[in-house]
N, C-alpha and C. Protein backbone atom coordinates (compact mmCIF):
# COMPACT_ATOMS: atom_id res chain seq x y z
N MET A 1 0.81 -1.18 0.00
CA MET A 1 0.00 0.00 0.00
C MET A 1 0.86 1.26 0.00
N LYS A 2 1.97 1.23 0.78
CA LYS A 2 2.86 2.38 0.82
C LYS A 2 3.50 2.62 -0.55
N LYS A 3 3.84 1.53 -1.24
CA LYS A 3 4.45 1.67 -2.57
C LYS A 3 3.45 2.28 -3.55
N LEU A 4 2.21 1.86 -3.46
CA LEU A 4 1.18 2.40 -4.34
C LEU A 4 0.98 3.90 -4.07
N PHE A 5 0.97 4.27 -2.80
CA PHE A 5 0.82 5.67 -2.43
C PHE A 5 2.00 6.49 -2.95
N ALA A 6 3.20 5.97 -2.80
CA ALA A 6 4.39 6.67 -3.30
C ALA A 6 4.34 6.81 -4.82
N LEU A 7 3.87 5.77 -5.50
CA LEU A 7 3.75 5.81 -6.96
C LEU A 7 2.74 6.87 -7.39
N VAL A 8 1.62 6.94 -6.70
CA VAL A 8 0.59 7.93 -7.02
C VAL A 8 1.13 9.34 -6.80
N LEU A 9 1.83 9.56 -5.70
CA LEU A 9 2.42 10.87 -5.43
C LEU A 9 3.44 11.25 -6.50
N THR A 10 4.26 10.31 -6.91
CA THR A 10 5.25 10.56 -7.96
C THR A 10 4.57 10.93 -9.26
N LEU A 11 3.53 10.19 -9.63
CA LEU A 11 2.81 10.49 -10.86
C LEU A 11 2.14 11.87 -10.81
N LEU A 12 1.59 12.22 -9.66
CA LEU A 12 0.98 13.54 -9.52
C LEU A 12 2.02 14.65 -9.65
N ALA A 13 3.17 14.45 -9.05
CA ALA A 13 4.24 15.45 -9.16
C ALA A 13 4.71 15.60 -10.59
N LEU A 14 4.86 14.49 -11.29
CA LEU A 14 5.28 14.56 -12.70
C LEU A 14 4.23 15.24 -13.56
N SER A 15 2.97 14.95 -13.34
CA SER A 15 1.93 15.58 -14.16
C SER A 15 1.85 17.07 -13.86
N ALA A 16 2.06 17.47 -12.62
CA ALA A 16 2.04 18.90 -12.29
C ALA A 16 3.18 19.63 -12.98
N SER A 17 4.37 19.04 -13.01
CA SER A 17 5.49 19.71 -13.69
C SER A 17 5.25 19.77 -15.19
N GLN A 18 4.61 18.77 -15.76
CA GLN A 18 4.31 18.80 -17.19
C GLN A 18 3.26 19.87 -17.51
N THR A 19 2.33 20.10 -16.57
CA THR A 19 1.32 21.14 -16.77
C THR A 19 1.98 22.50 -16.87
N VAL A 20 2.93 22.77 -15.99
CA VAL A 20 3.65 24.04 -16.03
C VAL A 20 4.38 24.18 -17.35
N LEU A 21 5.07 23.14 -17.79
CA LEU A 21 5.81 23.20 -19.05
C LEU A 21 4.87 23.37 -20.23
N ALA A 22 3.69 22.77 -20.15
CA ALA A 22 2.74 22.89 -21.25
C ALA A 22 2.22 24.32 -21.38
N ARG A 23 2.28 25.07 -20.31
CA ARG A 23 1.80 26.45 -20.33
C ARG A 23 2.94 27.43 -20.52
N GLN A 24 3.94 27.03 -21.25
CA GLN A 24 5.05 27.91 -21.57
C GLN A 24 5.26 27.92 -23.07
N SER A 25 5.67 29.05 -23.56
CA SER A 25 6.09 29.16 -24.95
C SER A 25 7.26 30.14 -24.97
N PRO A 26 7.98 30.21 -26.07
CA PRO A 26 9.10 31.16 -26.12
C PRO A 26 8.60 32.58 -25.89
N LEU A 27 9.35 33.34 -25.11
CA LEU A 27 9.03 34.75 -24.91
C LEU A 27 9.21 35.45 -26.25
N ASP A 28 8.14 36.04 -26.75
CA ASP A 28 8.15 36.64 -28.08
C ASP A 28 7.93 38.15 -27.97
N ILE A 29 9.02 38.88 -27.78
CA ILE A 29 8.93 40.33 -27.74
C ILE A 29 8.93 40.83 -29.18
N PRO A 30 7.86 41.49 -29.60
CA PRO A 30 7.78 41.94 -30.99
C PRO A 30 8.89 42.93 -31.34
N ALA A 31 9.23 42.97 -32.61
CA ALA A 31 10.22 43.92 -33.10
C ALA A 31 9.68 45.34 -32.92
N ARG A 32 10.55 46.29 -33.09
CA ARG A 32 10.15 47.70 -32.99
C ARG A 32 8.94 47.97 -33.89
N VAL A 33 7.98 48.72 -33.35
CA VAL A 33 6.77 49.05 -34.08
C VAL A 33 6.87 50.51 -34.53
N ALA A 34 6.78 50.74 -35.83
CA ALA A 34 6.79 52.10 -36.37
C ALA A 34 5.36 52.62 -36.40
N LEU A 35 5.18 53.84 -35.96
CA LEU A 35 3.86 54.47 -36.02
C LEU A 35 3.77 55.30 -37.29
N THR A 36 2.69 55.14 -38.00
CA THR A 36 2.51 55.88 -39.25
C THR A 36 1.75 57.17 -39.02
N ALA A 37 0.88 57.21 -38.03
CA ALA A 37 0.15 58.44 -37.72
C ALA A 37 -0.15 58.43 -36.24
N PRO A 38 0.12 59.47 -35.53
CA PRO A 38 0.79 60.68 -35.94
C PRO A 38 2.29 60.46 -36.10
N LYS A 39 2.92 61.32 -36.85
CA LYS A 39 4.32 61.11 -37.19
C LYS A 39 5.17 62.28 -36.69
N GLY A 40 6.33 61.95 -36.19
CA GLY A 40 7.31 62.97 -35.90
C GLY A 40 7.19 63.70 -34.58
N ASP A 41 6.32 63.29 -33.68
CA ASP A 41 6.16 63.98 -32.40
C ASP A 41 6.24 62.95 -31.27
N ILE A 42 7.29 63.07 -30.47
CA ILE A 42 7.50 62.09 -29.39
C ILE A 42 6.34 62.14 -28.38
N ALA A 43 5.77 63.31 -28.15
CA ALA A 43 4.65 63.42 -27.21
C ALA A 43 3.43 62.65 -27.72
N GLN A 44 3.21 62.67 -29.02
CA GLN A 44 2.07 61.93 -29.58
C GLN A 44 2.31 60.43 -29.51
N THR A 45 3.56 60.01 -29.68
CA THR A 45 3.87 58.58 -29.54
C THR A 45 3.60 58.14 -28.10
N ARG A 46 4.07 58.92 -27.14
CA ARG A 46 3.84 58.62 -25.74
C ARG A 46 2.34 58.56 -25.45
N ASN A 47 1.61 59.55 -25.95
CA ASN A 47 0.18 59.63 -25.72
C ASN A 47 -0.54 58.40 -26.29
N ALA A 48 -0.14 57.95 -27.47
CA ALA A 48 -0.76 56.77 -28.08
C ALA A 48 -0.50 55.53 -27.23
N ILE A 49 0.71 55.40 -26.68
CA ILE A 49 1.03 54.24 -25.82
C ILE A 49 0.19 54.29 -24.55
N VAL A 50 0.10 55.46 -23.93
CA VAL A 50 -0.68 55.60 -22.69
C VAL A 50 -2.16 55.29 -22.95
N LYS A 51 -2.73 55.88 -24.00
CA LYS A 51 -4.15 55.66 -24.29
C LYS A 51 -4.43 54.22 -24.70
N GLY A 52 -3.61 53.68 -25.59
CA GLY A 52 -3.83 52.31 -26.06
C GLY A 52 -3.70 51.29 -24.94
N SER A 53 -2.71 51.49 -24.07
CA SER A 53 -2.53 50.54 -22.96
C SER A 53 -3.67 50.66 -21.95
N ALA A 54 -4.15 51.87 -21.71
CA ALA A 54 -5.25 52.07 -20.76
C ALA A 54 -6.52 51.38 -21.24
N MET A 55 -6.74 51.33 -22.54
CA MET A 55 -7.94 50.68 -23.07
C MET A 55 -7.98 49.19 -22.73
N LEU A 56 -6.81 48.59 -22.48
CA LEU A 56 -6.74 47.17 -22.15
C LEU A 56 -6.49 46.91 -20.67
N GLY A 57 -6.43 47.97 -19.86
CA GLY A 57 -6.22 47.79 -18.44
C GLY A 57 -4.78 47.84 -17.98
N TRP A 58 -3.85 48.18 -18.88
CA TRP A 58 -2.46 48.38 -18.48
C TRP A 58 -2.37 49.73 -17.77
N THR A 59 -1.51 49.81 -16.76
CA THR A 59 -1.31 51.08 -16.06
C THR A 59 0.14 51.51 -16.19
N VAL A 60 0.35 52.82 -16.22
CA VAL A 60 1.70 53.37 -16.27
C VAL A 60 2.20 53.44 -14.83
N VAL A 61 3.30 52.74 -14.54
CA VAL A 61 3.84 52.74 -13.18
C VAL A 61 5.11 53.58 -13.08
N ALA A 62 5.72 53.90 -14.22
CA ALA A 62 6.89 54.79 -14.24
C ALA A 62 6.91 55.49 -15.59
N ASP A 63 7.28 56.76 -15.55
CA ASP A 63 7.26 57.58 -16.76
C ASP A 63 8.55 58.40 -16.82
N GLU A 64 9.41 58.05 -17.74
CA GLU A 64 10.65 58.78 -17.98
C GLU A 64 10.66 59.20 -19.44
N PRO A 65 11.42 60.23 -19.79
CA PRO A 65 11.49 60.60 -21.21
C PRO A 65 11.95 59.41 -22.06
N GLY A 66 11.14 59.03 -23.02
CA GLY A 66 11.48 57.93 -23.92
C GLY A 66 11.21 56.54 -23.37
N LYS A 67 10.66 56.45 -22.15
CA LYS A 67 10.41 55.12 -21.56
C LYS A 67 9.23 55.16 -20.60
N LEU A 68 8.25 54.31 -20.88
CA LEU A 68 7.12 54.10 -19.99
C LEU A 68 7.20 52.68 -19.44
N THR A 69 7.01 52.51 -18.16
CA THR A 69 6.90 51.18 -17.58
C THR A 69 5.42 50.91 -17.36
N LEU A 70 4.95 49.81 -17.98
CA LEU A 70 3.53 49.46 -17.95
C LEU A 70 3.33 48.18 -17.16
N LYS A 71 2.22 48.12 -16.41
CA LYS A 71 1.90 46.92 -15.63
C LYS A 71 0.48 46.48 -15.98
N TYR A 72 0.32 45.16 -16.12
CA TYR A 72 -0.99 44.58 -16.37
C TYR A 72 -1.24 43.50 -15.33
N SER A 73 -2.39 43.56 -14.69
CA SER A 73 -2.77 42.56 -13.69
C SER A 73 -4.06 41.89 -14.15
N LYS A 74 -4.02 40.58 -14.24
CA LYS A 74 -5.19 39.80 -14.67
C LYS A 74 -5.80 39.12 -13.45
N ASN A 75 -6.98 39.59 -13.05
CA ASN A 75 -7.73 39.02 -11.93
C ASN A 75 -6.94 38.99 -10.62
N GLY A 76 -5.96 39.86 -10.48
CA GLY A 76 -5.16 39.90 -9.26
C GLY A 76 -4.28 38.68 -9.05
N LYS A 77 -4.23 37.77 -10.02
CA LYS A 77 -3.44 36.54 -9.88
C LYS A 77 -2.21 36.53 -10.77
N HIS A 78 -2.31 37.17 -11.91
CA HIS A 78 -1.22 37.16 -12.88
C HIS A 78 -0.84 38.61 -13.19
N GLU A 79 0.47 38.86 -13.29
CA GLU A 79 0.93 40.22 -13.50
C GLU A 79 2.10 40.24 -14.47
N ALA A 80 2.09 41.24 -15.35
CA ALA A 80 3.19 41.44 -16.29
C ALA A 80 3.64 42.89 -16.21
N VAL A 81 4.95 43.10 -16.25
CA VAL A 81 5.52 44.44 -16.27
C VAL A 81 6.46 44.52 -17.47
N ILE A 82 6.28 45.56 -18.28
CA ILE A 82 7.12 45.76 -19.46
C ILE A 82 7.55 47.21 -19.54
N ASP A 83 8.64 47.45 -20.26
CA ASP A 83 9.03 48.81 -20.62
C ASP A 83 8.62 49.04 -22.05
N ALA A 84 8.09 50.23 -22.32
CA ALA A 84 7.81 50.67 -23.69
C ALA A 84 8.81 51.78 -23.98
N LEU A 85 9.83 51.46 -24.78
CA LEU A 85 10.86 52.42 -25.14
C LEU A 85 10.40 53.09 -26.43
N TYR A 86 10.30 54.41 -26.44
CA TYR A 86 9.68 55.08 -27.58
C TYR A 86 10.45 56.33 -28.01
N ASP A 87 10.20 56.72 -29.25
CA ASP A 87 10.68 57.98 -29.80
C ASP A 87 9.61 58.51 -30.75
N ALA A 88 9.93 59.51 -31.53
CA ALA A 88 8.94 60.13 -32.40
C ALA A 88 8.42 59.18 -33.48
N GLY A 89 9.20 58.18 -33.84
CA GLY A 89 8.80 57.30 -34.94
C GLY A 89 8.18 55.97 -34.54
N GLY A 90 8.23 55.60 -33.26
CA GLY A 90 7.67 54.31 -32.88
C GLY A 90 8.09 53.89 -31.48
N TYR A 91 7.97 52.59 -31.22
CA TYR A 91 8.26 52.08 -29.89
C TYR A 91 8.68 50.61 -29.95
N GLN A 92 9.25 50.15 -28.84
CA GLN A 92 9.70 48.76 -28.69
C GLN A 92 9.43 48.35 -27.25
N PHE A 93 8.97 47.13 -27.05
CA PHE A 93 8.74 46.61 -25.71
C PHE A 93 9.96 45.86 -25.21
N ALA A 94 10.12 45.85 -23.88
CA ALA A 94 11.15 45.04 -23.22
C ALA A 94 10.51 44.40 -21.99
N TYR A 95 10.75 43.10 -21.81
CA TYR A 95 10.23 42.38 -20.64
C TYR A 95 10.94 42.90 -19.40
N VAL A 96 10.19 43.14 -18.32
CA VAL A 96 10.77 43.55 -17.05
C VAL A 96 10.58 42.45 -16.01
N SER A 97 9.32 42.06 -15.77
CA SER A 97 9.05 41.03 -14.76
C SER A 97 7.63 40.50 -14.94
N SER A 98 7.35 39.43 -14.20
CA SER A 98 6.00 38.87 -14.20
C SER A 98 5.77 38.07 -12.93
N VAL A 99 4.50 37.86 -12.63
CA VAL A 99 4.09 37.05 -11.48
C VAL A 99 3.11 36.00 -11.98
N ASN A 100 3.36 34.75 -11.65
CA ASN A 100 2.49 33.62 -12.01
C ASN A 100 2.30 33.45 -13.52
N LEU A 101 3.31 33.78 -14.30
CA LEU A 101 3.26 33.55 -15.74
C LEU A 101 4.33 32.56 -16.19
N ASN A 102 4.86 31.81 -15.25
CA ASN A 102 5.83 30.74 -15.53
C ASN A 102 7.05 31.22 -16.32
N TYR A 103 7.50 32.44 -16.06
CA TYR A 103 8.69 32.94 -16.75
C TYR A 103 9.90 32.12 -16.33
N GLU A 104 10.70 31.78 -17.32
CA GLU A 104 11.90 30.98 -17.05
C GLU A 104 12.95 31.31 -18.11
N LYS A 105 14.16 31.52 -17.65
CA LYS A 105 15.29 31.74 -18.56
C LYS A 105 16.08 30.43 -18.62
N THR A 106 16.16 29.85 -19.82
CA THR A 106 16.85 28.57 -19.99
C THR A 106 17.95 28.72 -21.02
N GLU A 107 18.69 27.66 -21.24
CA GLU A 107 19.73 27.66 -22.27
C GLU A 107 19.11 27.84 -23.66
N GLN A 108 17.87 27.41 -23.83
CA GLN A 108 17.19 27.53 -25.11
C GLN A 108 16.55 28.92 -25.29
N GLY A 109 16.58 29.74 -24.27
CA GLY A 109 16.00 31.08 -24.34
C GLY A 109 14.99 31.31 -23.23
N GLU A 110 14.33 32.43 -23.30
CA GLU A 110 13.34 32.78 -22.29
C GLU A 110 11.99 32.17 -22.66
N ARG A 111 11.26 31.70 -21.63
CA ARG A 111 9.95 31.08 -21.85
C ARG A 111 8.97 31.72 -20.88
N ILE A 112 7.70 31.75 -21.31
CA ILE A 112 6.66 32.38 -20.48
C ILE A 112 5.30 31.81 -20.90
N HIS A 113 4.31 32.04 -20.08
CA HIS A 113 2.95 31.61 -20.42
C HIS A 113 2.53 32.27 -21.74
N PRO A 114 1.89 31.52 -22.64
CA PRO A 114 1.54 32.08 -23.95
C PRO A 114 0.60 33.28 -23.89
N ASN A 115 -0.14 33.44 -22.80
CA ASN A 115 -1.01 34.62 -22.69
C ASN A 115 -0.21 35.91 -22.72
N PHE A 116 1.00 35.89 -22.16
CA PHE A 116 1.84 37.10 -22.17
C PHE A 116 2.07 37.57 -23.60
N ASN A 117 2.41 36.64 -24.49
CA ASN A 117 2.64 37.01 -25.89
C ASN A 117 1.37 37.56 -26.53
N ARG A 118 0.22 36.99 -26.20
CA ARG A 118 -1.05 37.49 -26.73
C ARG A 118 -1.35 38.90 -26.21
N TRP A 119 -1.03 39.13 -24.94
CA TRP A 119 -1.27 40.45 -24.37
C TRP A 119 -0.46 41.51 -25.12
N LEU A 120 0.78 41.17 -25.48
CA LEU A 120 1.60 42.14 -26.22
C LEU A 120 1.04 42.40 -27.62
N VAL A 121 0.57 41.35 -28.29
CA VAL A 121 -0.02 41.53 -29.63
C VAL A 121 -1.25 42.44 -29.54
N ASN A 122 -2.10 42.21 -28.54
CA ASN A 122 -3.28 43.06 -28.36
C ASN A 122 -2.88 44.49 -28.01
N LEU A 123 -1.85 44.64 -27.21
CA LEU A 123 -1.38 45.96 -26.83
C LEU A 123 -0.92 46.74 -28.06
N ILE A 124 -0.21 46.09 -28.95
CA ILE A 124 0.23 46.75 -30.19
C ILE A 124 -0.98 47.20 -31.01
N LYS A 125 -1.99 46.35 -31.10
CA LYS A 125 -3.21 46.72 -31.86
C LYS A 125 -3.86 47.97 -31.27
N TYR A 126 -4.01 48.00 -29.96
CA TYR A 126 -4.70 49.13 -29.33
C TYR A 126 -3.87 50.40 -29.35
N ILE A 127 -2.57 50.30 -29.27
CA ILE A 127 -1.73 51.49 -29.42
C ILE A 127 -1.87 52.03 -30.84
N GLY A 128 -1.95 51.14 -31.81
CA GLY A 128 -2.18 51.56 -33.20
C GLY A 128 -3.51 52.27 -33.36
N ILE A 129 -4.54 51.76 -32.70
CA ILE A 129 -5.86 52.41 -32.75
C ILE A 129 -5.78 53.80 -32.13
N ALA A 130 -5.14 53.90 -30.96
CA ALA A 130 -5.00 55.19 -30.28
C ALA A 130 -4.18 56.16 -31.13
N SER A 131 -3.16 55.65 -31.79
CA SER A 131 -2.32 56.49 -32.64
C SER A 131 -3.10 57.02 -33.83
N ALA A 132 -3.90 56.18 -34.46
CA ALA A 132 -4.66 56.58 -35.64
C ALA A 132 -5.75 57.58 -35.29
N ASN A 133 -6.27 57.51 -34.06
CA ASN A 133 -7.35 58.40 -33.65
C ASN A 133 -6.86 59.67 -32.96
N ALA A 134 -5.54 59.80 -32.81
CA ALA A 134 -5.01 60.96 -32.09
C ALA A 134 -5.04 62.20 -32.98
N PRO A 135 -5.70 63.26 -32.53
CA PRO A 135 -5.69 64.49 -33.33
C PRO A 135 -4.32 65.15 -33.25
N ALA A 136 -3.95 65.86 -34.28
CA ALA A 136 -2.66 66.56 -34.29
C ALA A 136 -2.64 67.55 -33.14
N GLY A 137 -1.53 67.57 -32.42
CA GLY A 137 -1.37 68.50 -31.31
C GLY A 137 -2.21 68.15 -30.10
N ALA A 138 -2.61 66.91 -29.97
CA ALA A 138 -3.45 66.49 -28.83
C ALA A 138 -2.68 66.66 -27.54
N PRO A 139 -3.33 67.17 -26.49
CA PRO A 139 -2.63 67.30 -25.22
C PRO A 139 -2.32 65.94 -24.64
N GLN A 140 -1.18 65.84 -23.97
CA GLN A 140 -0.80 64.56 -23.40
C GLN A 140 -1.30 64.47 -21.97
N PRO A 141 -1.69 63.27 -21.53
CA PRO A 141 -2.18 63.12 -20.16
C PRO A 141 -1.03 63.29 -19.17
N ALA A 142 -1.39 63.64 -17.95
CA ALA A 142 -0.39 63.79 -16.91
C ALA A 142 0.18 62.43 -16.56
N PRO A 143 1.47 62.37 -16.16
CA PRO A 143 2.07 61.09 -15.78
C PRO A 143 1.35 60.48 -14.58
N ALA A 144 1.33 59.17 -14.51
CA ALA A 144 0.68 58.45 -13.42
C ALA A 144 1.44 58.69 -12.12
N GLN A 145 0.71 58.82 -11.04
CA GLN A 145 1.29 59.00 -9.72
C GLN A 145 1.11 57.73 -8.93
N GLU A 146 2.19 57.17 -8.42
CA GLU A 146 2.10 55.94 -7.61
C GLU A 146 2.91 56.11 -6.37
C-alpha cells in the first residue's frame, strides 16, 4: 500500500510539472513598431502608448522621457511588467518582470505563459488604434502618480 501511495504521489508530481511546461512558450517580444500616424512627435507617440494601454487595463507605473513602464494585472493573480521604449517614430517593448506567468530563462531562451505574448499583440493593436485616432497636437495626459 505504501508503494502504491508513493507511486501515485510521484505520478501527480510529474503531471504537475508537465502542466507548467505545457503552459510555456518562447518569450516573443515583438520587433520595434513604427507608427505611421501621428508622425514625428514624441509626445504623440507617448500619448498613443498611454491611451492604447489604458484601453486594455495596463497602467503606467513609471514615466521617464522615452520610456514608460507598464503593468498589467489579470484578476489579481497574474501580472506582467514591461518597458515601452519610444521615440517620435515608434516604440519597442522590453520584458521587465511577471508574477504567475511561468517565466523561465533557460539555455534555449526565455519562456513564459503564452497569454503574455497574446497580451503584447493586443497591446500593439490598441496602441495603433489610439495612434490613428489621435488628433494633431493632442494634449498629453499627466504622468501616473504611484
